[in-house]
Amino acid sequence: MFKYYYGMESITANKPLSNLPKARIIAGIVIALVFPLVMAALLRASHLSYWNKVYGSRLIFWVEVGLLWLYARKVEKQNLLIWPKKSDGLEFLLSSVVILYLLALAAQLIAAIPALLGYHENSTLMKLIAATVKGRPALIVFISFTAGFCEEVIFRGYVLTRLSQLCKNKNIPVLISSLMFAALHYRYHSLREFIFPFLIGIIMSVHYQRFGNIRPLIIVHFIIDFIGLTLASHYLK
């Protein structure tokens, strides 16, 4: 069993998360998974303009982070992020960002294999997004930052840590949280956009398990999305 503790900033000093009823942990994980799916479905069914739907889809993630923060404080009686940092500092941050980004490039190459072998990718939604952000660098930054911050906090900072208290095998939470992360991105209906997030989920989760520092994950996630959206806005037609 993992022996992670809340850390110095926790509400309940040095109390193991595993002492919480499992039902509370499972309920939080369900909220993290179901809330964005339900809200996204309602948004798609609404009569809002496409622009409002774009901003609304980003707002959903900020609301979810707030909801999980509230759930952690009021129901779990602890902080949203519970794993203490094992490594920190500028040197650690820079080296982590470089290594994680290089691993992300390798993951992109692996995710592209099906297309290289002749699998037809559905790029309709990606083309629509590319056209939407074209010539709007501020929107690219907003979308990228929202994804980098919110998705890392939700899937690594919350889901991964809570799953780790339900499983003795440390690899199972990594796989489950990564599959959840990939499933979220399957709204693009693209095999590449499922494989890549799954691999990124594994990379980010393993790093977070080892070092307990979410900052490099947020930075790398932002860089990946920012570069991807910028390139798509220029070359994807």
C-alpha atoms as a PDB file:
ATOM      1  CA  MET A   1       0.000   0.000   0.000  1.00  0.00           C
ATOM      2  CA  PHE A   2       1.294   3.472  -0.810  1.00  0.00           C
ATOM      3  CA  LYS A   3       2.226   5.549   2.217  1.00  0.00           C
ATOM      4  CA  TYR A   4       1.666   9.049   0.869  1.00  0.00           C
ATOM      5  CA  TYR A   5       0.701  11.731   3.367  1.00  0.00           C
ATOM      6  CA  TYR A   6      -1.004  15.091   3.053  1.00  0.00           C
ATOM      7  CA  GLY A   7       2.135  17.155   3.687  1.00  0.00           C
ATOM      8  CA  MET A   8       2.727  20.327   5.694  1.00  0.00           C
ATOM      9  CA  GLU A   9      -0.139  22.283   4.126  1.00  0.00           C
ATOM     10  CA  SER A  10      -2.782  19.640   4.710  1.00  0.00           C
ATOM     11  CA  ILE A  11      -5.796  20.253   6.880  1.00  0.00           C
ATOM     12  CA  THR A  12      -5.376  17.037   8.829  1.00  0.00           C
ATOM     13  CA  ALA A  13      -1.704  16.761   9.709  1.00  0.00           C
ATOM     14  CA  ASN A  14      -0.040  13.555   8.553  1.00  0.00           C
ATOM     15  CA  LYS A  15      -3.243  11.556   8.379  1.00  0.00           C
ATOM     16  CA  PRO A  16      -3.131   8.867   5.615  1.00  0.00           C
ATOM     17  CA  LEU A  17      -5.689   9.313   2.886  1.00  0.00           C
ATOM     18  CA  SER A  18      -6.413   5.583   3.074  1.00  0.00           C
ATOM     19  CA  ASN A  19      -8.170   6.239   6.417  1.00  0.00           C
ATOM     20  CA  LEU A  20     -10.963   7.911   4.468  1.00  0.00           C
ATOM     21  CA  PRO A  21     -13.966   5.760   3.551  1.00  0.00           C
ATOM     22  CA  LYS A  22     -13.450   4.267   0.097  1.00  0.00           C
ATOM     23  CA  ALA A  23     -16.911   5.448  -0.932  1.00  0.00           C
ATOM     24  CA  ARG A  24     -15.772   9.069  -0.603  1.00  0.00           C
ATOM     25  CA  ILE A  25     -12.703   8.420  -2.724  1.00  0.00           C
ATOM     26  CA  ILE A  26     -14.700   6.606  -5.411  1.00  0.00           C
ATOM     27  CA  ALA A  27     -17.365   9.332  -5.437  1.00  0.00           C
ATOM     28  CA  GLY A  28     -14.700  11.970  -6.062  1.00  0.00           C
ATOM     29  CA  ILE A  29     -13.255   9.974  -8.956  1.00  0.00           C
ATOM     30  CA  VAL A  30     -16.726   9.549 -10.459  1.00  0.00           C
ATOM     31  CA  ILE A  31     -17.309  13.297 -10.211  1.00  0.00           C
ATOM     32  CA  ALA A  32     -13.996  13.954 -11.962  1.00  0.00           C
ATOM     33  CA  LEU A  33     -14.961  11.663 -14.848  1.00  0.00           C
ATOM     34  CA  VAL A  34     -18.707  12.232 -15.224  1.00  0.00           C
ATOM     35  CA  PHE A  35     -18.934  15.996 -14.687  1.00  0.00           C
ATOM     36  CA  PRO A  36     -17.042  17.076 -17.848  1.00  0.00           C
ATOM     37  CA  LEU A  37     -18.816  14.473 -19.988  1.00  0.00           C
ATOM     38  CA  VAL A  38     -22.280  15.562 -18.857  1.00  0.00           C
ATOM     39  CA  MET A  39     -21.504  19.269 -19.115  1.00  0.00           C
ATOM     40  CA  ALA A  40     -19.940  18.843 -22.567  1.00  0.00           C
ATOM     41  CA  ALA A  41     -23.043  16.958 -23.759  1.00  0.00           C
ATOM     42  CA  LEU A  42     -25.303  19.738 -22.461  1.00  0.00           C
ATOM     43  CA  LEU A  43     -23.111  22.338 -24.128  1.00  0.00           C
ATOM     44  CA  ARG A  44     -23.273  20.558 -27.487  1.00  0.00           C
ATOM     45  CA  ALA A  45     -27.059  20.310 -27.228  1.00  0.00           C
ATOM     46  CA  SER A  46     -27.440  24.004 -26.439  1.00  0.00           C
ATOM     47  CA  HIS A  47     -28.288  26.721 -28.955  1.00  0.00           C
ATOM     48  CA  LEU A  48     -25.246  28.808 -28.099  1.00  0.00           C
ATOM     49  CA  SER A  49     -23.057  30.116 -30.878  1.00  0.00           C
ATOM     50  CA  TYR A  50     -19.934  28.171 -31.755  1.00  0.00           C
ATOM     51  CA  TRP A  51     -17.752  30.847 -30.157  1.00  0.00           C
ATOM     52  CA  ASN A  52     -19.656  30.630 -26.893  1.00  0.00           C
ATOM     53  CA  LYS A  53     -19.338  26.851 -27.010  1.00  0.00           C
ATOM     54  CA  VAL A  54     -15.555  27.163 -27.391  1.00  0.00           C
ATOM     55  CA  TYR A  55     -15.273  29.325 -24.298  1.00  0.00           C
ATOM     56  CA  GLY A  56     -17.889  27.265 -22.494  1.00  0.00           C
ATOM     57  CA  SER A  57     -15.923  24.063 -23.091  1.00  0.00           C
ATOM     58  CA  ARG A  58     -12.898  25.666 -21.394  1.00  0.00           C
ATOM     59  CA  LEU A  59     -14.998  27.024 -18.553  1.00  0.00           C
ATOM     60  CA  ILE A  60     -16.172  23.492 -17.778  1.00  0.00           C
ATOM     61  CA  PHE A  61     -12.638  22.491 -16.782  1.00  0.00           C
ATOM     62  CA  TRP A  62     -12.171  25.494 -14.493  1.00  0.00           C
ATOM     63  CA  VAL A  63     -15.500  24.756 -12.828  1.00  0.00           C
ATOM     64  CA  GLU A  64     -14.493  21.120 -12.390  1.00  0.00           C
ATOM     65  CA  VAL A  65     -11.224  22.085 -10.708  1.00  0.00           C
ATOM     66  CA  GLY A  66     -13.212  24.296  -8.340  1.00  0.00           C
ATOM     67  CA  LEU A  67     -15.719  21.516  -7.713  1.00  0.00           C
ATOM     68  CA  LEU A  68     -12.980  18.985  -6.911  1.00  0.00           C
ATOM     69  CA  TRP A  69     -11.248  21.516  -4.665  1.00  0.00           C
ATOM     70  CA  LEU A  70     -14.526  22.035  -2.793  1.00  0.00           C
ATOM     71  CA  TYR A  71     -15.132  18.275  -2.576  1.00  0.00           C
ATOM     72  CA  ALA A  72     -11.639  17.686  -1.198  1.00  0.00           C
ATOM     73  CA  ARG A  73     -11.988  20.444   1.407  1.00  0.00           C
ATOM     74  CA  LYS A  74     -15.546  19.783   2.544  1.00  0.00           C
ATOM     75  CA  VAL A  75     -15.967  16.027   2.076  1.00  0.00           C
ATOM     76  CA  GLU A  76     -12.450  14.595   2.236  1.00  0.00           C
ATOM     77  CA  LYS A  77     -11.326  17.275   4.731  1.00  0.00           C
ATOM     78  CA  GLN A  78      -7.976  17.832   3.026  1.00  0.00           C
ATOM     79  CA  ASN A  79      -6.269  19.720   0.218  1.00  0.00           C
ATOM     80  CA  LEU A  80      -6.899  19.043  -3.461  1.00  0.00           C
ATOM     81  CA  LEU A  81      -3.240  18.131  -4.051  1.00  0.00           C
ATOM     82  CA  ILE A  82      -2.121  15.686  -1.386  1.00  0.00           C
ATOM     83  CA  TRP A  83       1.236  14.278  -2.501  1.00  0.00           C
ATOM     84  CA  PRO A  84       4.199  16.155  -1.002  1.00  0.00           C
ATOM     85  CA  LYS A  85       6.892  17.412  -3.352  1.00  0.00           C
ATOM     86  CA  LYS A  86       9.911  15.118  -3.321  1.00  0.00           C
ATOM     87  CA  SER A  87      11.874  17.336  -5.705  1.00  0.00           C
ATOM     88  CA  ASP A  88      11.745  21.061  -6.443  1.00  0.00           C
ATOM     89  CA  GLY A  89      13.893  23.964  -7.569  1.00  0.00           C
ATOM     90  CA  LEU A  90      14.783  25.579 -10.888  1.00  0.00           C
ATOM     91  CA  GLU A  91      17.229  22.875 -11.991  1.00  0.00           C
ATOM     92  CA  PHE A  92      14.683  20.138 -11.344  1.00  0.00           C
ATOM     93  CA  LEU A  93      11.972  22.112 -13.139  1.00  0.00           C
ATOM     94  CA  LEU A  94      14.060  22.779 -16.256  1.00  0.00           C
ATOM     95  CA  SER A  95      15.411  19.239 -16.542  1.00  0.00           C
ATOM     96  CA  SER A  96      11.944  17.762 -16.022  1.00  0.00           C
ATOM     97  CA  VAL A  97      10.417  19.989 -18.699  1.00  0.00           C
ATOM     98  CA  VAL A  98      13.108  19.022 -21.236  1.00  0.00           C
ATOM     99  CA  ILE A  99      12.876  15.292 -20.504  1.00  0.00           C
ATOM    100  CA  LEU A 100       9.073  15.238 -20.457  1.00  0.00           C
ATOM    101  CA  TYR A 101       8.846  17.148 -23.709  1.00  0.00           C
ATOM    102  CA  LEU A 102      11.286  14.795 -25.436  1.00  0.00           C
ATOM    103  CA  LEU A 103       9.225  11.856 -24.217  1.00  0.00           C
ATOM    104  CA  ALA A 104       6.129  13.621 -25.551  1.00  0.00           C
ATOM    105  CA  LEU A 105       7.751  13.862 -28.983  1.00  0.00           C
ATOM    106  CA  ALA A 106       8.434  10.117 -28.864  1.00  0.00           C
ATOM    107  CA  ALA A 107       4.790   9.535 -27.897  1.00  0.00           C
ATOM    108  CA  GLN A 108       3.673  11.611 -30.888  1.00  0.00           C
ATOM    109  CA  LEU A 109       5.735   9.432 -33.212  1.00  0.00           C
ATOM    110  CA  ILE A 110       4.204   6.281 -31.766  1.00  0.00           C
ATOM    111  CA  ALA A 111       0.691   7.745 -32.035  1.00  0.00           C
ATOM    112  CA  ALA A 112       1.321   8.504 -35.721  1.00  0.00           C
ATOM    113  CA  ILE A 113       2.125   4.858 -36.576  1.00  0.00           C
ATOM    114  CA  PRO A 114      -1.478   3.830 -37.439  1.00  0.00           C
ATOM    115  CA  ALA A 115      -1.743   6.730 -39.931  1.00  0.00           C
ATOM    116  CA  LEU A 116       1.609   5.828 -41.454  1.00  0.00           C
ATOM    117  CA  LEU A 117       0.321   2.267 -41.927  1.00  0.00           C
ATOM    118  CA  GLY A 118      -2.708   3.523 -43.829  1.00  0.00           C
ATOM    119  CA  TYR A 119      -5.301   4.064 -41.096  1.00  0.00           C
ATOM    120  CA  HIS A 120      -7.588   6.971 -42.062  1.00  0.00           C
ATOM    121  CA  GLU A 121      -7.663   9.614 -39.345  1.00  0.00           C
ATOM    122  CA  ASN A 122     -10.759  11.736 -38.769  1.00  0.00           C
ATOM    123  CA  SER A 123      -9.416  15.292 -38.653  1.00  0.00           C
ATOM    124  CA  THR A 124     -12.725  17.154 -39.055  1.00  0.00           C
ATOM    125  CA  LEU A 125     -12.865  18.539 -35.535  1.00  0.00           C
ATOM    126  CA  MET A 126      -9.159  19.365 -35.476  1.00  0.00           C
ATOM    127  CA  LYS A 127      -9.573  21.356 -38.712  1.00  0.00           C
ATOM    128  CA  LEU A 128     -12.490  23.258 -37.199  1.00  0.00           C
ATOM    129  CA  ILE A 129     -10.443  24.077 -34.098  1.00  0.00           C
ATOM    130  CA  ALA A 130      -7.478  25.112 -36.262  1.00  0.00           C
ATOM    131  CA  ALA A 131      -9.696  27.478 -38.242  1.00  0.00           C
ATOM    132  CA  THR A 132     -11.139  28.897 -35.024  1.00  0.00           C
ATOM    133  CA  VAL A 133      -7.784  29.755 -33.428  1.00  0.00           C
ATOM    134  CA  LYS A 134      -6.125  30.934 -36.664  1.00  0.00           C
ATOM    135  CA  GLY A 135      -4.867  34.491 -36.208  1.00  0.00           C
ATOM    136  CA  ARG A 136      -5.916  34.506 -32.526  1.00  0.00           C
ATOM    137  CA  PRO A 137      -2.773  33.913 -30.428  1.00  0.00           C
ATOM    138  CA  ALA A 138      -4.522  34.990 -27.208  1.00  0.00           C
ATOM    139  CA  LEU A 139      -7.138  32.272 -27.719  1.00  0.00           C
ATOM    140  CA  ILE A 140      -4.386  29.707 -28.322  1.00  0.00           C
ATOM    141  CA  VAL A 141      -2.731  30.727 -25.049  1.00  0.00           C
ATOM    142  CA  PHE A 142      -6.043  30.578 -23.173  1.00  0.00           C
ATOM    143  CA  ILE A 143      -6.952  27.125 -24.504  1.00  0.00           C
ATOM    144  CA  SER A 144      -3.442  25.786 -23.918  1.00  0.00           C
ATOM    145  CA  PHE A 145      -3.182  27.131 -20.374  1.00  0.00           C
ATOM    146  CA  THR A 146      -6.634  25.851 -19.472  1.00  0.00           C
ATOM    147  CA  ALA A 147      -5.731  22.367 -20.724  1.00  0.00           C
ATOM    148  CA  GLY A 148      -2.285  22.397 -19.120  1.00  0.00           C
ATOM    149  CA  PHE A 149      -3.417  23.531 -15.701  1.00  0.00           C
ATOM    150  CA  CYS A 150      -6.878  22.005 -15.360  1.00  0.00           C
ATOM    151  CA  GLU A 151      -6.256  18.618 -16.970  1.00  0.00           C
ATOM    152  CA  GLU A 152      -3.084  18.011 -14.972  1.00  0.00           C
ATOM    153  CA  VAL A 153      -4.744  18.996 -11.708  1.00  0.00           C
ATOM    154  CA  ILE A 154      -7.783  16.828 -12.470  1.00  0.00           C
ATOM    155  CA  PHE A 155      -6.154  13.686 -13.859  1.00  0.00           C
ATOM    156  CA  ARG A 156      -2.765  13.654 -12.151  1.00  0.00           C
ATOM    157  CA  GLY A 157      -3.301  15.824  -9.093  1.00  0.00           C
ATOM    158  CA  TYR A 158      -6.681  14.340  -8.170  1.00  0.00           C
ATOM    159  CA  VAL A 159      -7.656  11.160 -10.024  1.00  0.00           C
ATOM    160  CA  LEU A 160      -4.233   9.497  -9.913  1.00  0.00           C
ATOM    161  CA  THR A 161      -3.681  10.197  -6.226  1.00  0.00           C
ATOM    162  CA  ARG A 162      -7.116   8.940  -5.200  1.00  0.00           C
ATOM    163  CA  LEU A 163      -6.839   5.798  -7.327  1.00  0.00           C
ATOM    164  CA  SER A 164      -3.485   5.124  -5.697  1.00  0.00           C
ATOM    165  CA  GLN A 165      -5.227   4.750  -2.350  1.00  0.00           C
ATOM    166  CA  LEU A 166      -7.574   2.109  -3.743  1.00  0.00           C
ATOM    167  CA  CYS A 167      -4.944  -0.090  -5.418  1.00  0.00           C
ATOM    168  CA  LYS A 168      -1.938  -1.870  -3.942  1.00  0.00           C
ATOM    169  CA  ASN A 169      -0.330  -2.131  -7.370  1.00  0.00           C
ATOM    170  CA  LYS A 170       1.045   1.325  -8.255  1.00  0.00           C
ATOM    171  CA  ASN A 171       0.760   0.654 -12.008  1.00  0.00           C
ATOM    172  CA  ILE A 172      -3.015   0.219 -12.029  1.00  0.00           C
ATOM    173  CA  PRO A 173      -3.787   3.860 -11.076  1.00  0.00           C
ATOM    174  CA  VAL A 174      -1.418   4.997 -13.815  1.00  0.00           C
ATOM    175  CA  LEU A 175      -3.202   2.907 -16.440  1.00  0.00           C
ATOM    176  CA  ILE A 176      -6.733   3.781 -15.298  1.00  0.00           C
ATOM    177  CA  SER A 177      -6.127   7.528 -15.018  1.00  0.00           C
ATOM    178  CA  SER A 178      -4.374   7.512 -18.397  1.00  0.00           C
ATOM    179  CA  LEU A 179      -7.282   5.685 -20.017  1.00  0.00           C
ATOM    180  CA  MET A 180      -9.684   8.226 -18.527  1.00  0.00           C
ATOM    181  CA  PHE A 181      -7.499  11.021 -19.869  1.00  0.00           C
ATOM    182  CA  ALA A 182      -7.405   9.425 -23.325  1.00  0.00           C
ATOM    183  CA  ALA A 183     -11.172   8.828 -23.301  1.00  0.00           C
ATOM    184  CA  LEU A 184     -11.706  12.542 -22.690  1.00  0.00           C
ATOM    185  CA  HIS A 185      -9.743  13.317 -25.860  1.00  0.00           C
ATOM    186  CA  TYR A 186     -11.562  10.730 -27.983  1.00  0.00           C
ATOM    187  CA  ARG A 187     -14.171  13.396 -28.655  1.00  0.00           C
ATOM    188  CA  TYR A 188     -11.951  14.161 -31.665  1.00  0.00           C
ATOM    189  CA  HIS A 189     -12.890  10.687 -33.015  1.00  0.00           C
ATOM    190  CA  SER A 190      -9.244  10.167 -33.942  1.00  0.00           C
ATOM    191  CA  LEU A 191      -7.155   7.128 -33.041  1.00  0.00           C
ATOM    192  CA  ARG A 192      -4.063   9.325 -32.871  1.00  0.00           C
ATOM    193  CA  GLU A 193      -5.825  11.644 -30.412  1.00  0.00           C
ATOM    194  CA  PHE A 194      -6.544   8.604 -28.225  1.00  0.00           C
ATOM    195  CA  ILE A 195      -3.113   6.966 -28.342  1.00  0.00           C
ATOM    196  CA  PHE A 196      -1.151  10.162 -27.757  1.00  0.00           C
ATOM    197  CA  PRO A 197      -3.080  11.301 -24.638  1.00  0.00           C
ATOM    198  CA  PHE A 198      -2.887   7.759 -23.259  1.00  0.00           C
ATOM    199  CA  LEU A 199       0.904   7.694 -23.621  1.00  0.00           C
ATOM    200  CA  ILE A 200       1.208  11.235 -22.263  1.00  0.00           C
ATOM    201  CA  GLY A 201      -0.973  10.217 -19.341  1.00  0.00           C
ATOM    202  CA  ILE A 202       1.394   7.388 -18.500  1.00  0.00           C
ATOM    203  CA  ILE A 203       4.470   9.617 -18.814  1.00  0.00           C
ATOM    204  CA  MET A 204       3.009  12.381 -16.650  1.00  0.00           C
ATOM    205  CA  SER A 205       1.620   9.960 -14.068  1.00  0.00           C
ATOM    206  CA  VAL A 206       4.901   8.110 -13.584  1.00  0.00           C
ATOM    207  CA  HIS A 207       6.734  11.423 -13.184  1.00  0.00           C
ATOM    208  CA  TYR A 208       4.181  12.653 -10.654  1.00  0.00           C
ATOM    209  CA  GLN A 209       4.346   9.392  -8.722  1.00  0.00           C
ATOM    210  CA  ARG A 210       8.094   9.701  -8.425  1.00  0.00           C
ATOM    211  CA  PHE A 211       8.514  13.408  -7.684  1.00  0.00           C
ATOM    212  CA  GLY A 212       5.141  14.698  -6.440  1.00  0.00           C
ATOM    213  CA  ASN A 213       5.624  17.993  -8.289  1.00  0.00           C
ATOM    214  CA  ILE A 214       2.862  18.983 -10.692  1.00  0.00           C
ATOM    215  CA  ARG A 215       4.495  22.176 -12.006  1.00  0.00           C
ATOM    216  CA  PRO A 216       6.603  20.605 -14.790  1.00  0.00           C
ATOM    217  CA  LEU A 217       3.569  18.613 -15.935  1.00  0.00           C
ATOM    218  CA  ILE A 218       1.512  21.789 -16.313  1.00  0.00           C
ATOM    219  CA  ILE A 219       4.305  23.560 -18.187  1.00  0.00           C
ATOM    220  CA  VAL A 220       4.932  20.695 -20.619  1.00  0.00           C
ATOM    221  CA  HIS A 221       1.215  20.172 -21.198  1.00  0.00           C
ATOM    222  CA  PHE A 222       0.879  23.872 -22.008  1.00  0.00           C
ATOM    223  CA  ILE A 223       3.845  23.754 -24.403  1.00  0.00           C
ATOM    224  CA  ILE A 224       2.472  20.680 -26.213  1.00  0.00           C
ATOM    225  CA  ASP A 225      -0.941  22.259 -26.746  1.00  0.00           C
ATOM    226  CA  PHE A 226       0.429  25.688 -27.606  1.00  0.00           C
ATOM    227  CA  ILE A 227       2.790  24.356 -30.269  1.00  0.00           C
ATOM    228  CA  GLY A 228       0.183  21.922 -31.579  1.00  0.00           C
ATOM    229  CA  LEU A 229      -2.528  24.570 -31.937  1.00  0.00           C
ATOM    230  CA  THR A 230      -0.119  27.085 -33.447  1.00  0.00           C
ATOM    231  CA  LEU A 231       1.092  24.611 -36.063  1.00  0.00           C
ATOM    232  CA  ALA A 232      -2.449  23.416 -36.790  1.00  0.00           C
ATOM    233  CA  SER A 233      -3.675  26.984 -37.287  1.00  0.00           C
ATOM    234  CA  HIS A 234      -0.999  27.523 -39.940  1.00  0.00           C
ATOM    235  CA  TYR A 235      -0.842  24.188 -41.752  1.00  0.00           C
ATOM    236  CA  LEU A 236      -4.051  22.239 -41.102  1.00  0.00           C
ATOM    237  CA  LYS A 237      -6.680  23.022 -43.740  1.00  0.00           C
END
